[in-house]
C-alpha atoms as a PDB file:
ATOM      1  CA  MET A   1      52.872  16.488 -21.697  1.00  0.00           C
ATOM      2  CA  LYS A   2      54.861  19.212 -23.364  1.00  0.00           C
ATOM      3  CA  LYS A   3      55.060  22.433 -21.587  1.00  0.00           C
ATOM      4  CA  ILE A   4      54.542  25.594 -23.914  1.00  0.00           C
ATOM      5  CA  LEU A   5      55.174  28.913 -23.348  1.00  0.00           C
ATOM      6  CA  VAL A   6      53.899  31.854 -25.616  1.00  0.00           C
ATOM      7  CA  ILE A   7      55.032  35.424 -25.116  1.00  0.00           C
ATOM      8  CA  LYS A   8      52.821  38.054 -26.607  1.00  0.00           C
ATOM      9  CA  HIS A   9      52.894  41.834 -25.568  1.00  0.00           C
ATOM     10  CA  GLY A  10      52.007  44.889 -27.652  1.00  0.00           C
ATOM     11  CA  ALA A  11      49.006  46.720 -28.603  1.00  0.00           C
ATOM     12  CA  LEU A  12      45.536  45.358 -28.199  1.00  0.00           C
ATOM     13  CA  GLY A  13      45.075  45.065 -31.874  1.00  0.00           C
ATOM     14  CA  ASP A  14      48.463  42.785 -31.793  1.00  0.00           C
ATOM     15  CA  ILE A  15      47.176  40.691 -28.963  1.00  0.00           C
ATOM     16  CA  ILE A  16      43.649  40.044 -30.924  1.00  0.00           C
ATOM     17  CA  LEU A  17      45.594  39.025 -34.216  1.00  0.00           C
ATOM     18  CA  SER A  18      47.720  36.803 -32.117  1.00  0.00           C
ATOM     19  CA  MET A  19      44.601  34.620 -31.126  1.00  0.00           C
ATOM     20  CA  TYR A  20      45.044  33.016 -34.594  1.00  0.00           C
ATOM     21  CA  PRO A  21      48.614  31.521 -33.726  1.00  0.00           C
ATOM     22  CA  LEU A  22      47.807  30.663 -30.185  1.00  0.00           C
ATOM     23  CA  PHE A  23      44.609  28.439 -31.308  1.00  0.00           C
ATOM     24  CA  SER A  24      47.156  26.935 -34.174  1.00  0.00           C
ATOM     25  CA  ILE A  25      49.794  26.097 -31.544  1.00  0.00           C
ATOM     26  CA  LYS A  26      47.068  24.496 -29.177  1.00  0.00           C
ATOM     27  CA  LYS A  27      45.615  22.640 -32.236  1.00  0.00           C
ATOM     28  CA  ASN A  28      49.477  21.309 -32.625  1.00  0.00           C
ATOM     29  CA  PHE A  29      49.642  20.452 -29.233  1.00  0.00           C
ATOM     30  CA  LYS A  30      46.625  19.144 -28.400  1.00  0.00           C
ATOM     31  CA  ASN A  31      47.675  17.421 -25.265  1.00  0.00           C
ATOM     32  CA  CYS A  32      49.992  20.328 -23.727  1.00  0.00           C
ATOM     33  CA  ASN A  33      50.461  22.618 -20.761  1.00  0.00           C
ATOM     34  CA  PHE A  34      49.664  26.145 -21.961  1.00  0.00           C
ATOM     35  CA  THR A  35      51.347  29.149 -20.786  1.00  0.00           C
ATOM     36  CA  ILE A  36      51.226  32.766 -22.007  1.00  0.00           C
ATOM     37  CA  LEU A  37      53.394  35.397 -20.739  1.00  0.00           C
ATOM     38  CA  THR A  38      51.820  39.187 -21.452  1.00  0.00           C
ATOM     39  CA  GLU A  39      51.334  42.155 -19.983  1.00  0.00           C
ATOM     40  CA  PRO A  40      49.077  42.736 -16.887  1.00  0.00           C
ATOM     41  CA  GLN A  41      46.197  44.402 -18.620  1.00  0.00           C
ATOM     42  CA  TYR A  42      45.436  41.335 -20.905  1.00  0.00           C
ATOM     43  CA  ILE A  43      45.082  38.745 -18.355  1.00  0.00           C
ATOM     44  CA  ASP A  44      41.441  39.221 -18.359  1.00  0.00           C
ATOM     45  CA  LEU A  45      41.193  38.575 -21.930  1.00  0.00           C
ATOM     46  CA  PHE A  46      43.627  35.853 -22.110  1.00  0.00           C
ATOM     47  CA  LYS A  47      42.238  34.065 -19.070  1.00  0.00           C
ATOM     48  CA  ASN A  48      38.800  33.496 -21.244  1.00  0.00           C
ATOM     49  CA  LEU A  49      41.043  30.963 -23.712  1.00  0.00           C
ATOM     50  CA  PRO A  50      39.764  27.501 -22.791  1.00  0.00           C
ATOM     51  CA  PHE A  51      42.894  25.980 -23.271  1.00  0.00           C
ATOM     52  CA  VAL A  52      45.526  28.058 -21.561  1.00  0.00           C
ATOM     53  CA  ASP A  53      46.464  26.434 -18.029  1.00  0.00           C
ATOM     54  CA  TYR A  54      48.224  29.590 -16.574  1.00  0.00           C
ATOM     55  CA  ILE A  55      49.135  33.232 -17.269  1.00  0.00           C
ATOM     56  CA  LYS A  56      52.267  35.001 -16.193  1.00  0.00           C
ATOM     57  CA  ALA A  57      52.296  38.664 -16.037  1.00  0.00           C
ATOM     58  CA  ASP A  58      54.991  40.643 -17.552  1.00  0.00           C
ATOM     59  CA  ASN A  59      55.359  44.069 -15.569  1.00  0.00           C
ATOM     60  CA  ARG A  60      57.777  45.503 -18.872  1.00  0.00           C
ATOM     61  CA  LYS A  61      57.845  48.912 -17.376  1.00  0.00           C
ATOM     62  CA  SER A  62      58.431  48.166 -13.529  1.00  0.00           C
ATOM     63  CA  ILE A  63      61.202  50.729 -12.409  1.00  0.00           C
ATOM     64  CA  PHE A  64      62.707  47.508 -10.815  1.00  0.00           C
ATOM     65  CA  PHE A  65      63.352  46.012 -13.703  1.00  0.00           C
ATOM     66  CA  VAL A  66      66.422  44.290 -12.980  1.00  0.00           C
ATOM     67  CA  PHE A  67      64.891  42.773  -9.821  1.00  0.00           C
ATOM     68  CA  SER A  68      61.792  41.925 -11.947  1.00  0.00           C
ATOM     69  CA  PHE A  69      64.080  40.036 -14.755  1.00  0.00           C
ATOM     70  CA  ILE A  70      65.889  38.239 -12.154  1.00  0.00           C
ATOM     71  CA  LYS A  71      62.338  36.802 -10.456  1.00  0.00           C
ATOM     72  CA  LEU A  72      61.253  36.333 -14.353  1.00  0.00           C
ATOM     73  CA  CYS A  73      64.474  34.291 -15.199  1.00  0.00           C
ATOM     74  CA  ILE A  74      64.024  32.102 -11.787  1.00  0.00           C
ATOM     75  CA  TRP A  75      60.281  31.588 -12.949  1.00  0.00           C
ATOM     76  CA  PHE A  76      61.580  30.318 -16.376  1.00  0.00           C
ATOM     77  CA  TYR A  77      63.931  28.028 -15.138  1.00  0.00           C
ATOM     78  CA  LYS A  78      61.201  26.369 -12.542  1.00  0.00           C
ATOM     79  CA  GLN A  79      58.917  25.614 -15.690  1.00  0.00           C
ATOM     80  CA  LYS A  80      61.158  23.685 -17.685  1.00  0.00           C
ATOM     81  CA  PHE A  81      59.071  24.595 -20.922  1.00  0.00           C
ATOM     82  CA  ASP A  82      59.853  22.497 -23.968  1.00  0.00           C
ATOM     83  CA  TRP A  83      58.826  24.913 -26.486  1.00  0.00           C
ATOM     84  CA  VAL A  84      58.823  28.658 -26.462  1.00  0.00           C
ATOM     85  CA  PHE A  85      56.648  30.787 -29.176  1.00  0.00           C
ATOM     86  CA  ASP A  86      58.159  34.275 -29.082  1.00  0.00           C
ATOM     87  CA  LEU A  87      55.025  36.150 -31.094  1.00  0.00           C
ATOM     88  CA  GLN A  88      56.239  39.237 -29.923  1.00  0.00           C
ATOM     89  CA  THR A  89      59.674  39.150 -31.723  1.00  0.00           C
ATOM     90  CA  SER A  90      61.192  42.248 -30.393  1.00  0.00           C
ATOM     91  CA  LYS A  91      64.884  43.158 -29.156  1.00  0.00           C
ATOM     92  CA  ARG A  92      63.394  42.602 -25.478  1.00  0.00           C
ATOM     93  CA  THR A  93      62.225  39.050 -26.138  1.00  0.00           C
ATOM     94  CA  ASN A  94      65.469  38.398 -27.948  1.00  0.00           C
ATOM     95  CA  ILE A  95      67.453  39.412 -24.550  1.00  0.00           C
ATOM     96  CA  TYR A  96      64.992  36.779 -23.014  1.00  0.00           C
ATOM     97  CA  PHE A  97      66.033  34.181 -25.279  1.00  0.00           C
ATOM     98  CA  TYR A  98      69.765  34.651 -24.425  1.00  0.00           C
ATOM     99  CA  PHE A  99      69.415  34.542 -20.776  1.00  0.00           C
ATOM    100  CA  PHE A 100      66.701  31.848 -20.706  1.00  0.00           C
ATOM    101  CA  SER A 101      68.805  29.727 -22.702  1.00  0.00           C
ATOM    102  CA  ILE A 102      71.878  30.099 -20.258  1.00  0.00           C
ATOM    103  CA  ILE A 103      69.817  28.425 -17.705  1.00  0.00           C
ATOM    104  CA  SER A 104      67.260  26.138 -19.791  1.00  0.00           C
ATOM    105  CA  GLU A 105      67.070  23.864 -22.466  1.00  0.00           C
ATOM    106  CA  PHE A 106      64.212  24.175 -24.831  1.00  0.00           C
ATOM    107  CA  LYS A 107      62.927  24.946 -28.368  1.00  0.00           C
ATOM    108  CA  TRP A 108      62.370  28.578 -29.330  1.00  0.00           C
ATOM    109  CA  SER A 109      60.304  30.161 -32.355  1.00  0.00           C
ATOM    110  CA  GLY A 110      61.526  33.498 -32.583  1.00  0.00           C
ATOM    111  CA  ILE A 111      63.906  36.049 -34.366  1.00  0.00           C
ATOM    112  CA  ALA A 112      66.577  35.451 -32.154  1.00  0.00           C
ATOM    113  CA  LYS A 113      69.333  34.155 -34.715  1.00  0.00           C
ATOM    114  CA  LYS A 114      70.631  31.259 -32.513  1.00  0.00           C
ATOM    115  CA  CYS A 115      67.207  29.761 -31.453  1.00  0.00           C
ATOM    116  CA  SER A 116      66.260  26.376 -32.550  1.00  0.00           C
ATOM    117  CA  HIS A 117      63.778  27.642 -35.023  1.00  0.00           C
ATOM    118  CA  PRO A 118      64.347  31.152 -35.925  1.00  0.00           C
ATOM    119  CA  HIS A 119      62.197  33.074 -38.343  1.00  0.00           C
ATOM    120  CA  LEU A 120      64.606  35.433 -40.456  1.00  0.00           C
ATOM    121  CA  ASN A 121      62.580  36.080 -43.466  1.00  0.00           C
ATOM    122  CA  ALA A 122      63.872  39.133 -44.902  1.00  0.00           C
ATOM    123  CA  ASN A 123      60.607  40.292 -46.009  1.00  0.00           C
ATOM    124  CA  ARG A 124      58.917  39.573 -42.398  1.00  0.00           C
ATOM    125  CA  THR A 125      58.526  43.128 -41.869  1.00  0.00           C
ATOM    126  CA  LYS A 126      56.617  43.496 -45.004  1.00  0.00           C
ATOM    127  CA  LEU A 127      53.872  40.876 -44.291  1.00  0.00           C
ATOM    128  CA  HIS A 128      50.633  41.403 -42.647  1.00  0.00           C
ATOM    129  CA  THR A 129      50.785  40.497 -38.859  1.00  0.00           C
ATOM    130  CA  ILE A 130      48.690  37.208 -39.819  1.00  0.00           C
ATOM    131  CA  GLN A 131      50.995  36.422 -42.479  1.00  0.00           C
ATOM    132  CA  ARG A 132      53.714  36.786 -40.522  1.00  0.00           C
ATOM    133  CA  HIS A 133      52.819  34.472 -37.755  1.00  0.00           C
ATOM    134  CA  LYS A 134      51.693  31.835 -40.359  1.00  0.00           C
ATOM    135  CA  ASP A 135      55.223  32.013 -41.839  1.00  0.00           C
ATOM    136  CA  GLN A 136      56.895  31.484 -38.426  1.00  0.00           C
ATOM    137  CA  LEU A 137      54.770  28.731 -37.334  1.00  0.00           C
ATOM    138  CA  ARG A 138      55.420  26.751 -40.740  1.00  0.00           C
ATOM    139  CA  LEU A 139      59.109  27.120 -39.980  1.00  0.00           C
ATOM    140  CA  ALA A 140      58.566  25.489 -36.207  1.00  0.00           C
ATOM    141  CA  GLY A 141      56.573  22.712 -38.407  1.00  0.00           C
ATOM    142  CA  ILE A 142      53.058  23.967 -37.547  1.00  0.00           C
ATOM    143  CA  LYS A 143      51.681  23.957 -41.165  1.00  0.00           C
ATOM    144  CA  SER A 144      48.012  23.997 -40.420  1.00  0.00           C
ATOM    145  CA  PHE A 145      46.798  27.526 -39.246  1.00  0.00           C
ATOM    146  CA  ALA A 146      43.607  27.289 -37.228  1.00  0.00           C
ATOM    147  CA  THR A 147      40.577  29.509 -37.414  1.00  0.00           C
ATOM    148  CA  VAL A 148      39.362  31.151 -34.292  1.00  0.00           C
ATOM    149  CA  ASN A 149      35.921  30.567 -32.501  1.00  0.00           C
ATOM    150  CA  TRP A 150      35.466  34.194 -30.879  1.00  0.00           C
ATOM    151  CA  ASN A 151      32.449  32.724 -28.449  1.00  0.00           C
ATOM    152  CA  PHE A 152      34.965  32.233 -25.766  1.00  0.00           C
ATOM    153  CA  LEU A 153      34.781  36.014 -25.172  1.00  0.00           C
ATOM    154  CA  LYS A 154      31.444  36.606 -22.912  1.00  0.00           C
ATOM    155  CA  SER A 155      29.673  39.064 -20.904  1.00  0.00           C
ATOM    156  CA  ASN A 156      26.367  40.126 -19.696  1.00  0.00           C
ATOM    157  CA  ILE A 157      25.561  43.574 -21.352  1.00  0.00           C
ATOM    158  CA  LYS A 158      21.994  43.843 -19.997  1.00  0.00           C
ATOM    159  CA  LYS A 159      23.017  46.828 -17.994  1.00  0.00           C
ATOM    160  CA  PHE A 160      23.602  48.849 -21.355  1.00  0.00           C
ATOM    161  CA  SER A 161      19.706  48.015 -22.533  1.00  0.00           C
ATOM    162  CA  LEU A 162      21.085  47.202 -25.978  1.00  0.00           C
ATOM    163  CA  THR A 163      18.622  46.313 -29.095  1.00  0.00           C
ATOM    164  CA  ASN A 164      19.848  44.318 -32.300  1.00  0.00           C
ATOM    165  CA  ASN A 165      21.405  45.995 -35.506  1.00  0.00           C
ATOM    166  CA  LEU A 166      23.372  48.210 -33.684  1.00  0.00           C
ATOM    167  CA  PHE A 167      25.642  51.128 -35.320  1.00  0.00           C
ATOM    168  CA  LEU A 168      28.866  51.361 -33.363  1.00  0.00           C
ATOM    169  CA  LEU A 169      31.166  54.284 -33.719  1.00  0.00           C
ATOM    170  CA  ILE A 170      34.764  53.610 -32.290  1.00  0.00           C
ATOM    171  CA  ILE A 171      36.156  56.827 -31.666  1.00  0.00           C
ATOM    172  CA  GLY A 172      39.312  55.569 -29.663  1.00  0.00           C
ATOM    173  CA  GLY A 173      43.004  55.470 -30.707  1.00  0.00           C
ATOM    174  CA  ALA A 174      46.312  55.680 -29.263  1.00  0.00           C
ATOM    175  CA  ALA A 175      46.717  59.260 -27.290  1.00  0.00           C
ATOM    176  CA  HIS A 176      50.533  59.237 -28.596  1.00  0.00           C
ATOM    177  CA  ARG A 177      49.323  58.902 -32.354  1.00  0.00           C
ATOM    178  CA  PRO A 178      47.198  61.732 -33.265  1.00  0.00           C
ATOM    179  CA  LYS A 179      47.136  60.972 -36.775  1.00  0.00           C
ATOM    180  CA  LYS A 180      45.200  57.836 -36.372  1.00  0.00           C
ATOM    181  CA  ARG A 181      42.364  59.406 -35.025  1.00  0.00           C
ATOM    182  CA  TRP A 182      39.630  60.928 -37.293  1.00  0.00           C
ATOM    183  CA  SER A 183      38.372  63.943 -35.541  1.00  0.00           C
ATOM    184  CA  ILE A 184      35.459  64.488 -33.019  1.00  0.00           C
ATOM    185  CA  HIS A 185      34.392  67.245 -35.671  1.00  0.00           C
ATOM    186  CA  ASN A 186      33.716  64.255 -38.205  1.00  0.00           C
ATOM    187  CA  TYR A 187      32.059  61.779 -36.099  1.00  0.00           C
ATOM    188  CA  VAL A 188      29.447  64.408 -34.804  1.00  0.00           C
ATOM    189  CA  ASN A 189      28.842  65.385 -38.364  1.00  0.00           C
ATOM    190  CA  LEU A 190      28.439  61.737 -39.027  1.00  0.00           C
ATOM    191  CA  ILE A 191      26.112  61.296 -36.267  1.00  0.00           C
ATOM    192  CA  LYS A 192      24.031  63.988 -37.692  1.00  0.00           C
ATOM    193  CA  LEU A 193      23.770  62.513 -40.804  1.00  0.00           C
ATOM    194  CA  LEU A 194      22.874  59.216 -39.362  1.00  0.00           C
ATOM    195  CA  ASN A 195      20.116  60.744 -37.027  1.00  0.00           C
ATOM    196  CA  GLN A 196      18.672  62.258 -40.423  1.00  0.00           C
ATOM    197  CA  LYS A 197      18.260  58.518 -41.567  1.00  0.00           C
ATOM    198  CA  LYS A 198      16.609  57.864 -37.651  1.00  0.00           C
ATOM    199  CA  ILE A 199      19.750  55.805 -36.640  1.00  0.00           C
ATOM    200  CA  PHE A 200      20.920  56.534 -33.572  1.00  0.00           C
ATOM    201  CA  PRO A 201      24.674  55.255 -32.997  1.00  0.00           C
ATOM    202  CA  ILE A 202      26.582  53.614 -29.828  1.00  0.00           C
ATOM    203  CA  ILE A 203      29.804  55.597 -29.184  1.00  0.00           C
ATOM    204  CA  ILE A 204      32.506  53.454 -27.838  1.00  0.00           C
ATOM    205  CA  GLY A 205      36.038  54.740 -26.467  1.00  0.00           C
ATOM    206  CA  GLY A 206      38.336  54.312 -23.439  1.00  0.00           C
ATOM    207  CA  ASN A 207      38.713  56.625 -20.671  1.00  0.00           C
ATOM    208  CA  ALA A 208      41.162  58.972 -22.614  1.00  0.00           C
ATOM    209  CA  GLU A 209      38.120  59.607 -24.934  1.00  0.00           C
ATOM    210  CA  LYS A 210      36.353  61.333 -22.353  1.00  0.00           C
ATOM    211  CA  LYS A 211      37.576  64.388 -22.914  1.00  0.00           C
ATOM    212  CA  TYR A 212      37.309  64.364 -26.566  1.00  0.00           C
ATOM    213  CA  PHE A 213      33.467  63.589 -27.039  1.00  0.00           C
ATOM    214  CA  ASN A 214      30.622  64.468 -24.293  1.00  0.00           C
ATOM    215  CA  GLU A 215      27.347  64.736 -25.808  1.00  0.00           C
ATOM    216  CA  LYS A 216      26.341  67.167 -23.729  1.00  0.00           C
ATOM    217  CA  ASN A 217      28.713  69.473 -25.570  1.00  0.00           C
ATOM    218  CA  TYR A 218      26.322  68.499 -28.620  1.00  0.00           C
ATOM    219  CA  ASN A 219      22.694  69.099 -27.976  1.00  0.00           C
ATOM    220  CA  ASP A 220      21.704  68.379 -31.688  1.00  0.00           C
ATOM    221  CA  ILE A 221      23.245  65.110 -31.814  1.00  0.00           C
ATOM    222  CA  LYS A 222      21.307  61.743 -30.741  1.00  0.00           C
ATOM    223  CA  CYS A 223      23.428  58.869 -29.678  1.00  0.00           C
ATOM    224  CA  LYS A 224      23.957  56.357 -26.855  1.00  0.00           C
ATOM    225  CA  ASN A 225      27.416  57.163 -25.051  1.00  0.00           C
ATOM    226  CA  LEU A 226      29.326  53.905 -23.610  1.00  0.00           C
ATOM    227  CA  ILE A 227      32.712  55.794 -23.546  1.00  0.00           C
ATOM    228  CA  GLY A 228      34.844  54.471 -20.576  1.00  0.00           C
ATOM    229  CA  LYS A 229      31.981  52.177 -19.718  1.00  0.00           C
ATOM    230  CA  THR A 230      32.939  48.843 -21.660  1.00  0.00           C
ATOM    231  CA  SER A 231      35.410  46.060 -20.834  1.00  0.00           C
ATOM    232  CA  TYR A 232      36.946  44.035 -23.702  1.00  0.00           C
ATOM    233  CA  LEU A 233      34.401  40.769 -23.036  1.00  0.00           C
ATOM    234  CA  ASP A 234      31.519  43.732 -23.203  1.00  0.00           C
ATOM    235  CA  LEU A 235      33.079  45.294 -26.595  1.00  0.00           C
ATOM    236  CA  ALA A 236      32.808  41.576 -28.080  1.00  0.00           C
ATOM    237  CA  GLU A 237      29.062  40.478 -26.927  1.00  0.00           C
ATOM    238  CA  ILE A 238      28.179  44.258 -28.185  1.00  0.00           C
ATOM    239  CA  ALA A 239      29.984  43.506 -31.510  1.00  0.00           C
ATOM    240  CA  ARG A 240      27.653  40.784 -32.215  1.00  0.00           C
ATOM    241  CA  LYS A 241      24.642  42.888 -32.184  1.00  0.00           C
ATOM    242  CA  SER A 242      25.838  45.115 -34.610  1.00  0.00           C
ATOM    243  CA  LYS A 243      25.019  45.730 -38.235  1.00  0.00           C
ATOM    244  CA  TRP A 244      27.435  48.331 -38.863  1.00  0.00           C
ATOM    245  CA  VAL A 245      30.688  49.809 -37.168  1.00  0.00           C
ATOM    246  CA  VAL A 246      32.764  52.630 -38.116  1.00  0.00           C
ATOM    247  CA  GLY A 247      36.088  53.368 -36.562  1.00  0.00           C
ATOM    248  CA  ASN A 248      39.454  54.163 -36.430  1.00  0.00           C
ATOM    249  CA  ASP A 249      42.531  51.817 -36.764  1.00  0.00           C
ATOM    250  CA  THR A 250      42.437  50.597 -32.931  1.00  0.00           C
ATOM    251  CA  GLY A 251      42.622  47.250 -30.881  1.00  0.00           C
ATOM    252  CA  PRO A 252      38.833  47.459 -30.046  1.00  0.00           C
ATOM    253  CA  MET A 253      38.291  47.675 -33.807  1.00  0.00           C
ATOM    254  CA  HIS A 254      40.159  44.688 -34.232  1.00  0.00           C
ATOM    255  CA  LEU A 255      38.328  42.896 -31.126  1.00  0.00           C
ATOM    256  CA  ILE A 256      34.775  44.117 -32.917  1.00  0.00           C
ATOM    257  CA  CYS A 257      35.553  42.934 -36.700  1.00  0.00           C
ATOM    258  CA  GLN A 258      36.368  39.723 -35.077  1.00  0.00           C
ATOM    259  CA  CYS A 259      33.363  39.045 -32.870  1.00  0.00           C
ATOM    260  CA  SER A 260      30.840  40.707 -35.312  1.00  0.00           C
ATOM    261  CA  LYS A 261      28.789  38.833 -37.693  1.00  0.00           C
ATOM    262  CA  ASN A 262      30.090  38.155 -41.012  1.00  0.00           C
ATOM    263  CA  SER A 263      27.061  40.218 -42.692  1.00  0.00           C
ATOM    264  CA  THR A 264      28.093  43.167 -40.440  1.00  0.00           C
ATOM    265  CA  LYS A 265      29.486  45.873 -42.644  1.00  0.00           C
ATOM    266  CA  LYS A 266      32.935  47.191 -40.892  1.00  0.00           C
ATOM    267  CA  ILE A 267      34.345  50.183 -42.257  1.00  0.00           C
ATOM    268  CA  VAL A 268      37.945  50.914 -40.571  1.00  0.00           C
ATOM    269  CA  LEU A 269      39.685  54.506 -41.219  1.00  0.00           C
ATOM    270  CA  PHE A 270      43.321  54.772 -41.672  1.00  0.00           C
ATOM    271  CA  GLY A 271      45.567  57.723 -41.747  1.00  0.00           C
ATOM    272  CA  PRO A 272      49.280  57.847 -42.557  1.00  0.00           C
ATOM    273  CA  ASP A 273      50.428  56.340 -39.136  1.00  0.00           C
ATOM    274  CA  SER A 274      49.493  52.934 -40.465  1.00  0.00           C
ATOM    275  CA  ASN A 275      49.545  50.434 -43.165  1.00  0.00           C
ATOM    276  CA  PRO A 276      46.541  48.417 -43.640  1.00  0.00           C
ATOM    277  CA  LYS A 277      48.656  46.017 -45.842  1.00  0.00           C
ATOM    278  CA  LEU A 278      50.578  45.214 -42.616  1.00  0.00           C
ATOM    279  CA  CYS A 279      47.838  45.510 -39.905  1.00  0.00           C
ATOM    280  CA  ALA A 280      44.552  45.790 -40.965  1.00  0.00           C
ATOM    281  CA  PRO A 281      41.833  44.063 -38.956  1.00  0.00           C
ATOM    282  CA  ILE A 282      40.766  40.745 -40.796  1.00  0.00           C
ATOM    283  CA  GLY A 283      37.484  39.303 -41.330  1.00  0.00           C
ATOM    284  CA  LYS A 284      34.353  39.188 -43.584  1.00  0.00           C
ATOM    285  CA  ASN A 285      32.470  42.582 -45.105  1.00  0.00           C
ATOM    286  CA  ILE A 286      35.546  44.836 -43.793  1.00  0.00           C
ATOM    287  CA  ILE A 287      36.027  47.939 -46.017  1.00  0.00           C
ATOM    288  CA  ILE A 288      39.199  50.016 -45.727  1.00  0.00           C
ATOM    289  CA  ILE A 289      39.603  53.826 -46.092  1.00  0.00           C
ATOM    290  CA  LYS A 290      42.787  55.181 -46.091  1.00  0.00           C
ATOM    291  CA  LYS A 291      43.901  58.648 -46.831  1.00  0.00           C
ATOM    292  CA  ASN A 292      46.930  60.503 -46.120  1.00  0.00           C
ATOM    293  CA  ASP A 293      45.537  62.839 -44.020  1.00  0.00           C
ATOM    294  CA  ILE A 294      42.749  60.892 -42.170  1.00  0.00           C
ATOM    295  CA  ASN A 295      40.544  63.847 -41.835  1.00  0.00           C
ATOM    296  CA  ASP A 296      40.635  64.033 -45.516  1.00  0.00           C
ATOM    297  CA  ILE A 297      37.857  61.455 -45.005  1.00  0.00           C
ATOM    298  CA  LEU A 298      34.204  62.929 -45.032  1.00  0.00           C
ATOM    299  CA  PRO A 299      31.062  62.070 -43.464  1.00  0.00           C
ATOM    300  CA  GLU A 300      29.369  61.965 -46.251  1.00  0.00           C
ATOM    301  CA  ASN A 301      31.857  59.267 -47.755  1.00  0.00           C
ATOM    302  CA  ILE A 302      31.011  56.898 -44.840  1.00  0.00           C
ATOM    303  CA  ILE A 303      27.089  57.364 -45.571  1.00  0.00           C
ATOM    304  CA  LYS A 304      27.533  56.338 -49.348  1.00  0.00           C
ATOM    305  CA  LEU A 305      28.983  52.936 -48.333  1.00  0.00           C
ATOM    306  CA  ILE A 306      25.927  52.187 -45.443  1.00  0.00           C
ATOM    307  CA  ASP A 307      23.222  53.271 -48.055  1.00  0.00           C
END
């Protein structure tokens, strides 16, 4: 039985897009022992994959980095992996390769120049993440790219008392990238327009969004506020009940675009800080709106798309 290691860190959106190569690797190595090396916050997400045998937490920000890295090297040596798929392809994981290769023999798919299956396509940074993964796996001998059945993400969301045909607003975004955030003022104005149509949206975001939006500050709008109340698994289930989704270019938006029905209309808002040609959510019925200033996108523009 082959022992496979997949390395994947990064933002949630990147994690969601990595599910496609993960399923593809498993499809190619049907009878294998499958391990994922990832960040602690994604363990609950990855452990729902039906084919994963073990998940190793990689605490990359530890102040005891040297000690942690030595422990990681010892762990890697003991595992005796046959294949390592570096889906992170970063300077850090290149360092992993060079140290791991001193103590073990294995096949490695990544961007390290001396690895067994290097992905050295000069245009790799100009490819959408999915195309880049396909190209990397092709060079490792995996020519069949699998689809993903997202039903592996399950949660009991009865506590939210939700109906079907929901209108979701995904207001979150990376705190350190404000140019990716459509303003709360715009979201509030969109809610007002939706209320005029007897649509009462569900507002979703992380704990960081609590300071940006509190419906108590907006007495003239009607919505259901789930900010800070949902897990990744909850979002997957809520997505399946949605009819419309509007949101910023965020990890939760990637997750919802994957788990919602094909008929669900998904409108993703882009500003100057990200390029949809490289990282847009994938799926059916996705509409991309991009402006050099994300706040030049008007609520009225969105209303026209849902009529």
